Amino acid sequence: MVPFSGRAVSRPPVVPASPSQNRQGPGLPDGLHPMEPQGEKPAEADGVRVTPQLLKSRSGEFALESILLLKLRGLGLVDLGCLGECLGLEWLDLSGNALTQLGPLACLRQLAVLNVADNRLTGLEPLGACESLQSLNAAGNLLATPGQLQCLAGLPGLEYLRLRDPLARLSNPLCASPSYWAAVRELLPGLKVIDGERVSGRGSEFYQLCRDLDSSLRPGSSPGPGATEAQPWVEPGYWESWPTRSSSILEEACRQFEHALQECHDLDRQANDSLAQAERALSPAGTTSSFVF
């Protein structure tokens, strides 16, 4: 046992850590820092980035080049990341995300069907390199002018374009213009279907007729000089109810039915009388009949 000397034990002075040491944390040698996001935007911090692991898990393929069909709907994507490495991709659904640009899609030369509805796109320029594109759904974005579709003019196979979806309540600012359809058709004459309605080829006349009728019935539209006032289809009073009339045939049928019913009652009474007489004739005197009618 060491005897207590009675002297105060001095402690070494506490040296405050430098800001760099506080940031490093204990156990990290000089020059090494914890991994911090560099240049990350606030919108991207809360969003999802496309990674090889995500693509493989969603498609079930081991190689990105082998993916032909990919559905990435409603995942909160803000960055397409390595999606451009899926060089064999033919069908892609990116709807319901928070995308603002489609840069990586410029590498997808085999892409034929693309759905980017319900995003935040202000341009479609990267799609100008998708030479195999046939169908594009871009409803529910921020496309403001028909000029933003100029990048699609060089796609020979593009036949189906949707910029507005009334059922899903998705549209673009450019769709509010009265000349929207005419501008899109002039810019992209190869289109066969716009917003689900055929504009060329078989059946286009029917849709054109429907559009003409809609425009003529729109409030504020004035009828042409040769328009005539609508006429009723039937004469006045056609739908009024006719007064009730007594039917001699119905009365005669009721009378005959009552007569037949009375005859049935008479026959029933006669049958009961005959059975009672037969019972009395067959039963010995003084015995009670076992038959009850």
Foldseek 3Di string as FASTA:
>chain_A
DDDDPPDDDDDDDDDDDDPVDVQQDPPDDPPDGPDDDDPDDPLRVPADEDDPVVQCVQQVDPALCPGAEGEDAQRQHAYPHQNLRNQNYAYYEHDNYAYADDQSCLNNLNHAYYEHDQYAYQADQSCLNNQNHAEYEHWAYADAALVRCLSVQNRQRHAYYEQHAVVVRTHYNHVVDPCSVVSNCVSRVNYQYYNRAGCDDPPNVVVVVVVVVCVCPDPPHDDDPPDDDDDDPDDPPPPPDDDDDDDPVVVVVVVVVVVVVVVVVVVVVVVVVVVVVVQVVPDDPPDDDPDDD
